[in-house]
Amino acid sequence: MKDPKKTADFRRSHSEKCPEGFMAKQTTLRTAEAVECCNISLPYGIVAMVRAGFRRLGLYGYFDGFKEKGVPLSYVIELMCIHSSTAVLR
């Protein structure tokens, strides 16, 4: 199902509601203050390298044997290895 905001009918009805020549004016500079974002980006090559190493060495099965409930321990250790590998890049 299409998003109604992207259809031609919505654009036409929206433009009819706005007065002719209406333009929003920016009253403050939005980039005046730098705001830290919580998004974390990781290079995919490091993620693929760590996962390939875990598979090649059989670490997924080894670490998962220590824990039965919740998030698999191999996943937690994999993320810690990825995080520590990308900390050098920052």
Protein backbone atom coordinates (compact mmCIF):
# COMPACT_ATOMS: atom_id res chain seq x y z
CA MET A 1 0.00 0.00 0.00
CA LYS A 2 1.34 3.42 -0.97
CA ASP A 3 2.02 6.14 1.53
CA PRO A 4 -0.81 8.69 1.13
CA LYS A 5 1.62 11.58 1.57
CA LYS A 6 3.45 10.56 -1.61
CA THR A 7 0.42 10.43 -3.87
CA ALA A 8 -0.47 13.15 -6.34
CA ASP A 9 -3.85 13.75 -4.64
CA PHE A 10 -2.18 14.62 -1.35
CA ARG A 11 0.27 17.00 -3.03
CA ARG A 12 -2.56 18.73 -4.88
CA SER A 13 -4.77 19.08 -1.79
CA HIS A 14 -1.82 20.24 0.30
CA SER A 15 -0.85 22.91 -2.21
CA GLU A 16 -4.46 24.16 -2.30
CA LYS A 17 -4.38 24.67 1.48
CA CYS A 18 -1.18 26.75 1.40
CA PRO A 19 -1.65 30.39 0.39
CA GLU A 20 0.03 31.64 -2.75
CA GLY A 21 3.63 32.68 -2.17
CA PHE A 22 3.77 31.23 1.35
CA MET A 23 7.30 30.47 2.46
CA ALA A 24 8.53 29.33 5.86
CA LYS A 25 11.35 31.47 7.21
CA GLN A 26 14.13 30.04 9.33
CA THR A 27 14.40 32.12 12.50
CA THR A 28 17.23 30.24 14.21
CA LEU A 29 20.37 28.57 12.95
CA ARG A 30 19.83 24.84 13.52
CA THR A 31 23.48 23.93 13.18
CA ALA A 32 24.64 26.53 15.69
CA GLU A 33 25.09 23.94 18.42
CA ALA A 34 26.57 20.55 17.78
CA VAL A 35 24.41 17.82 19.29
CA GLU A 36 25.89 14.39 19.89
CA CYS A 37 23.95 11.65 18.16
CA CYS A 38 23.59 8.18 19.65
CA ASN A 39 23.81 6.39 16.28
CA ILE A 40 26.84 4.16 15.98
CA SER A 41 28.22 3.29 12.57
CA LEU A 42 30.64 0.44 12.01
CA PRO A 43 32.73 -0.43 8.97
CA TYR A 44 31.16 -3.50 7.42
CA GLY A 45 34.56 -4.98 6.54
CA ILE A 46 35.49 -5.32 10.22
CA VAL A 47 32.12 -6.89 11.02
CA ALA A 48 32.55 -9.41 8.20
CA MET A 49 36.13 -10.14 9.26
CA VAL A 50 35.17 -10.86 12.88
CA ARG A 51 32.23 -13.05 11.86
CA ALA A 52 34.37 -15.00 9.39
CA GLY A 53 37.00 -15.53 12.08
CA PHE A 54 34.38 -16.77 14.56
CA ARG A 55 32.98 -19.21 11.97
CA ARG A 56 36.42 -20.42 10.89
CA LEU A 57 37.56 -21.04 14.46
CA GLY A 58 34.23 -22.53 15.59
CA LEU A 59 33.80 -19.97 18.36
CA TYR A 60 30.02 -19.67 17.99
CA GLY A 61 29.46 -23.23 19.19
CA TYR A 62 32.17 -22.97 21.84
CA PHE A 63 30.86 -19.79 23.51
CA ASP A 64 27.19 -20.79 23.23
CA GLY A 65 27.94 -23.88 25.36
CA PHE A 66 28.52 -21.67 28.42
CA LYS A 67 25.07 -20.05 28.42
CA GLU A 68 21.58 -21.38 27.71
CA LYS A 69 19.09 -18.52 28.26
CA GLY A 70 18.82 -15.05 26.79
CA VAL A 71 21.15 -13.58 24.19
CA PRO A 72 23.76 -16.11 23.01
CA LEU A 73 27.15 -15.48 24.59
CA SER A 74 28.88 -15.78 21.22
CA TYR A 75 26.86 -12.81 19.95
CA VAL A 76 27.89 -10.68 22.94
CA ILE A 77 31.57 -11.57 22.54
CA GLU A 78 31.37 -11.00 18.78
CA LEU A 79 30.01 -7.48 19.36
CA MET A 80 32.72 -6.78 21.94
CA CYS A 81 35.39 -7.83 19.42
CA ILE A 82 33.83 -5.62 16.72
CA HIS A 83 33.61 -2.68 19.11
CA SER A 84 37.21 -3.02 20.26
CA SER A 85 38.41 -3.36 16.65
CA THR A 86 36.64 -0.16 15.59
CA ALA A 87 37.84 1.77 18.66
CA VAL A 88 41.24 2.00 16.98
CA LEU A 89 39.65 3.81 14.04
CA ARG A 90 38.05 6.58 16.14
